[in-house]
N, C-alpha and C. Protein backbone atom coordinates (compact mmCIF):
# COMPACT_ATOMS: atom_id res chain seq x y z
N UNK A 1 0.78 -1.17 0.09
CA UNK A 1 -0.06 0.09 -0.15
C UNK A 1 0.78 1.18 0.07
N UNK A 2 2.02 1.28 0.69
CA UNK A 2 2.91 2.30 0.59
C UNK A 2 3.28 2.76 -0.84
N UNK A 3 3.62 1.59 -1.51
CA UNK A 3 3.92 2.07 -2.95
C UNK A 3 2.90 2.74 -3.71
N UNK A 4 1.64 2.47 -3.48
CA UNK A 4 0.43 3.08 -4.21
C UNK A 4 0.29 4.44 -3.84
N UNK A 5 0.64 4.76 -2.40
CA UNK A 5 0.74 5.97 -1.99
C UNK A 5 1.63 6.98 -2.50
N UNK A 6 2.88 6.30 -2.63
CA UNK A 6 3.94 7.04 -3.36
C UNK A 6 3.65 7.47 -4.88
N UNK A 7 2.97 6.39 -5.51
CA UNK A 7 2.46 6.66 -6.89
C UNK A 7 1.35 7.78 -6.85
N UNK A 8 0.64 7.74 -6.02
CA UNK A 8 -0.47 8.79 -5.67
C UNK A 8 0.18 10.11 -5.76
N UNK A 9 1.23 10.38 -4.86
CA UNK A 9 1.85 11.61 -4.74
C UNK A 9 2.34 12.05 -6.03
N UNK A 10 3.06 11.13 -6.58
CA UNK A 10 3.66 11.60 -7.97
C UNK A 10 2.53 12.13 -8.87
N UNK A 11 1.58 11.37 -8.79
CA UNK A 11 0.58 11.74 -9.74
C UNK A 11 -0.01 13.14 -9.29
N UNK A 12 -0.36 13.16 -8.09
CA UNK A 12 -0.81 14.37 -7.53
C UNK A 12 -0.02 15.70 -7.78
N UNK A 13 1.11 15.52 -7.54
CA UNK A 13 2.16 16.70 -7.92
C UNK A 13 2.25 17.07 -9.16
N UNK A 14 2.16 16.06 -10.07
CA UNK A 14 2.30 16.31 -11.46
C UNK A 14 0.82 16.96 -12.00
N UNK A 15 -0.20 16.45 -11.62
CA UNK A 15 -1.34 17.12 -11.80
C UNK A 15 -1.60 18.47 -11.25
N UNK A 16 -1.14 18.70 -10.25
CA UNK A 16 -1.32 20.17 -9.44
C UNK A 16 -0.65 21.08 -10.22
N UNK A 17 0.68 20.62 -10.50
CA UNK A 17 1.47 21.78 -11.29
C UNK A 17 1.52 21.57 -12.65
N UNK A 18 0.82 20.66 -13.27
CA UNK A 18 0.85 20.74 -14.68
C UNK A 18 -0.60 21.10 -15.25
N UNK A 19 -1.63 20.61 -14.52
CA UNK A 19 -2.82 20.97 -15.13
C UNK A 19 -3.12 22.42 -15.02
N UNK A 20 -2.72 23.26 -14.01
CA UNK A 20 -2.92 24.77 -13.97
C UNK A 20 -2.21 25.46 -15.07
N UNK A 21 -1.25 24.87 -15.71
CA UNK A 21 -0.54 25.32 -16.81
C UNK A 21 -1.55 25.32 -18.04
N UNK A 22 -2.45 24.90 -18.20
CA UNK A 22 -3.32 24.69 -19.10
C UNK A 22 -4.64 25.42 -18.95
N UNK A 23 -4.54 26.65 -18.81
CA UNK A 23 -5.75 27.44 -18.42
C UNK A 23 -5.99 28.39 -19.48
N UNK A 24 -7.35 28.55 -19.82
CA UNK A 24 -7.98 29.37 -20.73
C UNK A 24 -7.76 30.82 -20.13
N UNK A 25 -7.34 31.91 -20.93
CA UNK A 25 -7.17 33.11 -20.50
C UNK A 25 -8.60 33.84 -20.15
N UNK A 26 -9.53 33.41 -21.11
CA UNK A 26 -10.89 34.13 -20.83
C UNK A 26 -11.81 33.42 -19.75
N UNK A 27 -11.32 32.34 -19.25
CA UNK A 27 -12.17 31.51 -18.16
C UNK A 27 -12.04 32.50 -16.73
N UNK A 28 -13.16 32.09 -15.98
CA UNK A 28 -13.36 32.66 -14.71
C UNK A 28 -12.15 32.26 -13.95
N UNK A 29 -11.06 32.80 -13.77
CA UNK A 29 -9.97 32.48 -12.76
C UNK A 29 -9.85 31.08 -12.47
N UNK A 30 -9.64 30.40 -13.45
CA UNK A 30 -9.48 28.72 -13.37
C UNK A 30 -8.45 28.47 -12.41
N UNK A 31 -7.27 29.00 -12.26
CA UNK A 31 -6.25 28.79 -11.17
C UNK A 31 -6.78 28.91 -9.96
N UNK A 32 -7.51 30.03 -9.84
CA UNK A 32 -8.35 30.41 -8.43
C UNK A 32 -9.27 29.39 -7.79
N UNK A 33 -9.90 28.71 -8.91
CA UNK A 33 -10.98 27.70 -8.40
C UNK A 33 -10.01 26.51 -8.05
N UNK A 34 -8.73 26.32 -8.75
CA UNK A 34 -8.14 24.99 -8.23
C UNK A 34 -7.48 25.32 -6.97
N UNK A 35 -6.95 26.62 -6.63
CA UNK A 35 -6.58 26.89 -5.32
C UNK A 35 -7.59 27.03 -4.46
N UNK A 36 -8.85 27.23 -4.72
CA UNK A 36 -9.88 27.39 -3.70
C UNK A 36 -10.30 25.89 -3.36
N UNK A 37 -10.44 24.88 -4.12
CA UNK A 37 -10.81 23.57 -4.12
C UNK A 37 -9.68 22.94 -2.95
N UNK A 38 -8.41 23.20 -3.43
CA UNK A 38 -7.36 22.54 -2.59
C UNK A 38 -7.23 23.32 -1.01
N UNK A 39 -7.66 24.40 -1.04
CA UNK A 39 -7.54 25.16 0.17
C UNK A 39 -8.70 24.54 1.12
N UNK A 40 -9.96 24.23 0.54
CA UNK A 40 -10.95 23.66 1.32
C UNK A 40 -10.49 22.24 1.67
N UNK A 41 -9.85 21.39 0.88
CA UNK A 41 -9.47 20.16 1.41
C UNK A 41 -8.42 20.41 2.34
N UNK A 42 -7.48 21.30 2.10
CA UNK A 42 -6.46 21.46 3.47
C UNK A 42 -7.24 21.90 4.69
N UNK A 43 -8.30 22.55 4.70
CA UNK A 43 -9.05 23.00 6.01
C UNK A 43 -9.69 21.86 6.51
N UNK A 44 -10.26 21.01 5.57
CA UNK A 44 -10.82 19.66 6.13
C UNK A 44 -9.68 18.78 6.90
N UNK A 45 -8.63 18.70 6.21
CA UNK A 45 -7.43 17.90 6.78
C UNK A 45 -6.84 18.61 8.11
N UNK A 46 -6.98 19.87 8.09
CA UNK A 46 -6.32 20.42 9.42
C UNK A 46 -7.62 20.15 10.54
N UNK A 47 -8.65 20.35 10.11
CA UNK A 47 -9.69 20.03 11.20
C UNK A 47 -9.68 18.51 11.57
N UNK A 48 -9.42 17.66 10.78
CA UNK A 48 -9.28 16.14 11.27
C UNK A 48 -8.30 16.06 12.20
N UNK A 49 -7.13 16.92 12.09
CA UNK A 49 -6.03 16.66 13.16
C UNK A 49 -5.43 15.54 12.95
N UNK A 50 -5.04 14.75 13.84
CA UNK A 50 -4.12 13.51 14.11
C UNK A 50 -5.05 12.33 13.90
N UNK A 51 -6.39 12.35 13.72
CA UNK A 51 -7.18 11.30 13.55
C UNK A 51 -7.41 10.76 12.25
N UNK A 52 -6.85 9.59 12.09
CA UNK A 52 -6.70 9.25 10.74
C UNK A 52 -7.86 8.81 10.17
N UNK A 53 -9.07 8.41 10.91
CA UNK A 53 -10.31 8.05 10.60
C UNK A 53 -11.11 9.34 9.95
N UNK A 54 -10.75 10.46 10.63
CA UNK A 54 -11.33 11.67 10.20
C UNK A 54 -10.60 12.33 9.02
N UNK A 55 -9.14 11.88 8.92
CA UNK A 55 -8.60 12.35 7.70
C UNK A 55 -9.03 11.59 6.58
N UNK A 56 -9.35 10.52 6.67
CA UNK A 56 -10.04 9.54 5.54
C UNK A 56 -11.23 10.16 5.15
N UNK A 57 -12.14 10.57 6.31
CA UNK A 57 -13.37 10.98 5.87
C UNK A 57 -13.54 12.38 5.25
N UNK A 58 -12.27 13.13 5.66
CA UNK A 58 -12.35 14.45 4.91
C UNK A 58 -11.91 14.39 3.64
N UNK A 59 -11.13 13.54 3.12
CA UNK A 59 -10.62 13.22 1.76
C UNK A 59 -11.82 12.73 0.96
N UNK A 60 -12.58 11.93 1.68
CA UNK A 60 -13.61 11.04 0.99
C UNK A 60 -14.74 12.19 0.64
N UNK A 61 -15.09 12.93 1.63
CA UNK A 61 -16.20 13.97 1.59
C UNK A 61 -15.68 15.02 0.47
N UNK A 62 -14.57 15.38 0.52
CA UNK A 62 -14.09 16.43 -0.59
C UNK A 62 -14.09 15.85 -1.85
N UNK A 63 -13.52 14.64 -1.99
CA UNK A 63 -13.73 13.90 -3.28
C UNK A 63 -14.94 13.96 -3.94
N UNK A 64 -16.13 13.29 -3.05
CA UNK A 64 -17.43 13.34 -3.28
C UNK A 64 -17.93 14.61 -3.79
N UNK A 65 -17.67 15.56 -3.11
CA UNK A 65 -18.36 16.77 -3.34
C UNK A 65 -17.89 17.36 -4.51
N UNK A 66 -16.65 17.17 -4.92
CA UNK A 66 -15.85 18.01 -5.95
C UNK A 66 -15.78 17.10 -7.24
N UNK A 67 -16.07 15.83 -7.39
CA UNK A 67 -15.77 15.10 -8.39
C UNK A 67 -16.16 15.70 -9.75
N UNK A 68 -17.26 16.06 -9.83
CA UNK A 68 -17.65 16.71 -11.30
C UNK A 68 -16.92 18.02 -11.38
N UNK A 69 -16.75 18.96 -10.58
CA UNK A 69 -15.86 19.85 -10.56
C UNK A 69 -14.60 19.72 -11.11
N UNK A 70 -14.00 18.75 -10.49
CA UNK A 70 -12.57 18.42 -11.01
C UNK A 70 -12.45 17.83 -12.28
N UNK A 71 -13.51 17.18 -12.63
CA UNK A 71 -13.40 16.65 -14.08
C UNK A 71 -13.61 17.67 -15.06
N UNK A 72 -14.49 18.62 -14.89
CA UNK A 72 -14.68 19.87 -15.53
C UNK A 72 -13.54 20.64 -15.72
N UNK A 73 -12.84 20.85 -14.72
CA UNK A 73 -11.53 21.78 -14.52
C UNK A 73 -10.43 21.12 -15.55
N UNK A 74 -10.37 19.84 -15.23
CA UNK A 74 -9.42 19.13 -15.91
C UNK A 74 -9.53 19.26 -17.57
N UNK A 75 -10.69 19.21 -18.05
CA UNK A 75 -11.29 19.19 -19.36
C UNK A 75 -10.81 20.64 -19.96
N UNK A 76 -11.13 21.69 -19.05
CA UNK A 76 -11.03 23.09 -19.44
C UNK A 76 -9.53 23.30 -19.57
N UNK A 77 -8.70 22.75 -18.55
CA UNK A 77 -7.33 22.93 -18.43
C UNK A 77 -6.54 22.44 -19.71
N UNK A 78 -7.03 21.20 -20.17
CA UNK A 78 -6.51 20.56 -21.07
C UNK A 78 -6.56 21.29 -22.49
N UNK A 79 -7.68 22.18 -22.63
CA UNK A 79 -8.03 22.89 -23.78
C UNK A 79 -7.40 24.19 -23.94
N UNK A 80 -7.07 24.75 -22.73
CA UNK A 80 -6.69 26.17 -22.65
C UNK A 80 -5.12 26.27 -23.06
N UNK A 81 -4.77 27.72 -23.47
CA UNK A 81 -3.33 27.86 -23.33
C UNK A 81 -2.56 27.92 -21.99
N UNK A 82 -1.45 27.86 -22.05
CA UNK A 82 -0.53 27.82 -20.82
C UNK A 82 -0.35 29.17 -20.00
N UNK A 83 -0.48 29.07 -18.58
CA UNK A 83 -0.05 30.22 -17.95
C UNK A 83 1.50 30.48 -18.24
N UNK A 84 1.81 31.89 -17.93
CA UNK A 84 3.04 32.32 -17.93
C UNK A 84 3.90 31.92 -16.97
N UNK A 85 5.20 31.79 -16.94
CA UNK A 85 6.04 31.32 -15.90
C UNK A 85 5.75 31.99 -14.59
N UNK A 86 5.49 33.35 -14.73
CA UNK A 86 5.26 34.22 -13.30
C UNK A 86 3.96 33.71 -12.88
N UNK A 87 2.80 33.35 -13.77
CA UNK A 87 1.57 32.97 -13.28
C UNK A 87 1.55 31.75 -12.52
N UNK A 88 2.49 30.89 -13.23
CA UNK A 88 2.74 29.47 -12.62
C UNK A 88 3.29 29.43 -11.24
N UNK A 89 4.31 30.25 -11.12
CA UNK A 89 5.08 30.48 -9.88
C UNK A 89 3.88 31.05 -8.70
N UNK A 90 3.15 31.98 -9.11
CA UNK A 90 2.10 32.65 -8.09
C UNK A 90 1.17 31.63 -7.80
N UNK A 91 0.81 30.70 -8.80
CA UNK A 91 -0.19 29.64 -8.37
C UNK A 91 0.43 28.52 -7.44
N UNK A 92 1.71 28.36 -7.80
CA UNK A 92 2.39 27.30 -6.77
C UNK A 92 2.52 27.87 -5.43
N UNK A 93 2.73 29.04 -5.29
CA UNK A 93 2.82 29.75 -3.96
C UNK A 93 1.41 29.70 -3.23
N UNK A 94 0.39 29.74 -4.03
CA UNK A 94 -1.00 29.81 -3.48
C UNK A 94 -1.39 28.47 -3.15
N UNK A 95 -0.91 27.61 -3.76
CA UNK A 95 -1.27 26.05 -3.52
C UNK A 95 -0.41 25.40 -2.29
N UNK A 96 0.83 26.11 -2.07
CA UNK A 96 1.68 25.55 -1.14
C UNK A 96 1.00 25.36 0.26
N UNK A 97 0.30 26.11 0.85
CA UNK A 97 -0.14 25.73 2.24
C UNK A 97 -0.94 24.57 2.15
N UNK A 98 -2.03 24.40 1.34
CA UNK A 98 -2.91 23.41 1.24
C UNK A 98 -2.16 22.01 0.83
N UNK A 99 -1.00 22.09 -0.04
CA UNK A 99 -0.16 20.81 -0.27
C UNK A 99 0.44 20.65 1.05
N UNK A 100 0.91 21.34 1.76
CA UNK A 100 1.54 21.10 3.00
C UNK A 100 0.85 20.29 3.90
N UNK A 101 -0.60 20.79 4.07
CA UNK A 101 -1.39 19.84 4.91
C UNK A 101 -1.76 18.56 4.32
N UNK A 102 -2.01 18.57 2.89
CA UNK A 102 -2.19 17.17 2.20
C UNK A 102 -1.24 16.27 2.57
N UNK A 103 0.13 16.69 2.19
CA UNK A 103 1.13 15.82 2.46
C UNK A 103 1.51 15.43 3.84
N UNK A 104 1.23 16.41 4.79
CA UNK A 104 1.35 16.15 6.03
C UNK A 104 0.46 15.11 6.69
N UNK A 105 -0.81 15.09 6.34
CA UNK A 105 -1.90 14.14 6.73
C UNK A 105 -1.51 12.65 5.98
N UNK A 106 -1.05 13.00 4.72
CA UNK A 106 -0.79 11.51 4.15
C UNK A 106 0.32 10.85 4.69
N UNK A 107 1.34 11.61 5.10
CA UNK A 107 2.50 10.90 5.89
C UNK A 107 2.09 10.54 6.99
N UNK A 108 1.29 11.19 7.87
CA UNK A 108 0.93 10.94 9.24
C UNK A 108 0.04 9.71 9.15
N UNK A 109 -0.71 9.43 8.15
CA UNK A 109 -1.82 8.30 8.14
C UNK A 109 -1.23 7.30 6.88
N UNK A 110 -0.19 7.21 6.58
CA UNK A 110 0.34 6.55 5.50
C UNK A 110 -0.14 4.99 5.66
N UNK A 111 -0.06 4.53 6.82
CA UNK A 111 -0.38 3.14 7.17
C UNK A 111 -1.81 2.78 7.35
N UNK A 112 -2.68 3.99 7.44
CA UNK A 112 -4.04 3.83 7.71
C UNK A 112 -4.81 3.34 6.54
N UNK A 113 -5.52 2.11 6.62
CA UNK A 113 -6.29 1.70 5.27
C UNK A 113 -7.29 2.58 4.83
N UNK A 114 -8.00 3.30 5.72
CA UNK A 114 -9.30 3.98 5.33
C UNK A 114 -8.49 5.30 4.54
N UNK A 115 -7.49 5.64 4.99
CA UNK A 115 -6.68 7.00 4.33
C UNK A 115 -6.16 6.60 3.04
N UNK A 116 -5.56 5.29 3.07
CA UNK A 116 -5.08 4.81 1.65
C UNK A 116 -6.24 4.63 0.74
N UNK A 117 -7.38 4.27 1.12
CA UNK A 117 -8.42 4.03 0.20
C UNK A 117 -8.97 5.35 -0.26
N UNK A 118 -8.92 6.27 0.74
CA UNK A 118 -9.45 7.60 0.22
C UNK A 118 -8.56 8.38 -0.86
N UNK A 119 -7.29 8.14 -0.64
CA UNK A 119 -6.18 8.77 -1.39
C UNK A 119 -6.33 8.06 -2.91
N UNK A 120 -6.54 6.81 -2.74
CA UNK A 120 -6.62 5.88 -4.10
C UNK A 120 -7.98 6.46 -4.88
N UNK A 121 -9.06 6.62 -4.11
CA UNK A 121 -10.18 7.10 -4.85
C UNK A 121 -9.89 8.75 -5.51
N UNK A 122 -9.23 9.43 -4.61
CA UNK A 122 -8.95 10.68 -5.04
C UNK A 122 -8.17 10.66 -6.25
N UNK A 123 -7.21 9.86 -6.43
CA UNK A 123 -6.13 9.53 -7.52
C UNK A 123 -7.10 9.30 -8.71
N UNK A 124 -8.02 8.39 -8.59
CA UNK A 124 -8.67 7.99 -9.71
C UNK A 124 -9.55 9.23 -10.07
N UNK A 125 -10.18 10.03 -9.32
CA UNK A 125 -10.83 11.22 -9.66
C UNK A 125 -10.04 12.15 -10.33
N UNK A 126 -8.67 12.38 -10.13
CA UNK A 126 -7.86 13.18 -10.87
C UNK A 126 -7.25 12.57 -12.04
N UNK A 127 -7.64 11.25 -12.32
CA UNK A 127 -7.23 10.83 -13.58
C UNK A 127 -5.89 10.21 -13.34
N UNK A 128 -5.49 9.87 -12.25
CA UNK A 128 -4.13 9.01 -11.95
C UNK A 128 -4.26 7.56 -12.16
N UNK A 129 -5.51 6.93 -11.89
CA UNK A 129 -5.59 5.58 -11.93
C UNK A 129 -4.94 4.81 -13.30
N UNK A 130 -5.30 5.76 -14.40
CA UNK A 130 -4.60 5.08 -15.73
C UNK A 130 -3.29 5.17 -15.90
N UNK A 131 -2.81 6.60 -15.40
CA UNK A 131 -1.53 6.82 -15.45
C UNK A 131 -0.62 6.18 -14.41
N UNK A 132 -1.08 5.76 -13.53
CA UNK A 132 -0.34 5.26 -12.42
C UNK A 132 -0.39 3.74 -12.22
N UNK A 133 0.60 2.95 -12.64
CA UNK A 133 0.54 1.52 -12.45
C UNK A 133 0.54 1.07 -11.13
N UNK A 134 -0.22 0.27 -10.67
CA UNK A 134 -0.34 -0.34 -9.41
C UNK A 134 0.62 -1.52 -9.16
N UNK A 135 1.30 -1.59 -8.07
CA UNK A 135 2.23 -2.62 -7.85
C UNK A 135 1.58 -4.11 -7.48
């Protein structure tokens, strides 16, 4: 299971920092939508504290709530022109606090079966299941 968690993080990092580069200039602040979504997830993880059952529930709740939005954003990002390097840096800076919470929760609950399953479901939502071979 640890290997699948590592694969998930590789896919997540690639997705978070690659998808936002494919943003349509006329869209309603697509990068801001991505930041908002992951800030919401970070807040849920922070509220869960060190309770891995609550961490798993926060991830699952977020994934279920945002499944359609993530799919729509992914399509829009694939179709649009890229962000400038400056815009990309700003986006990464905005995402950093949420990513710290996400990675912290994942490391803290790496051995927790419920959290592993929640991350695997989130990975599939983000399109990582096809790209990430399972051990």
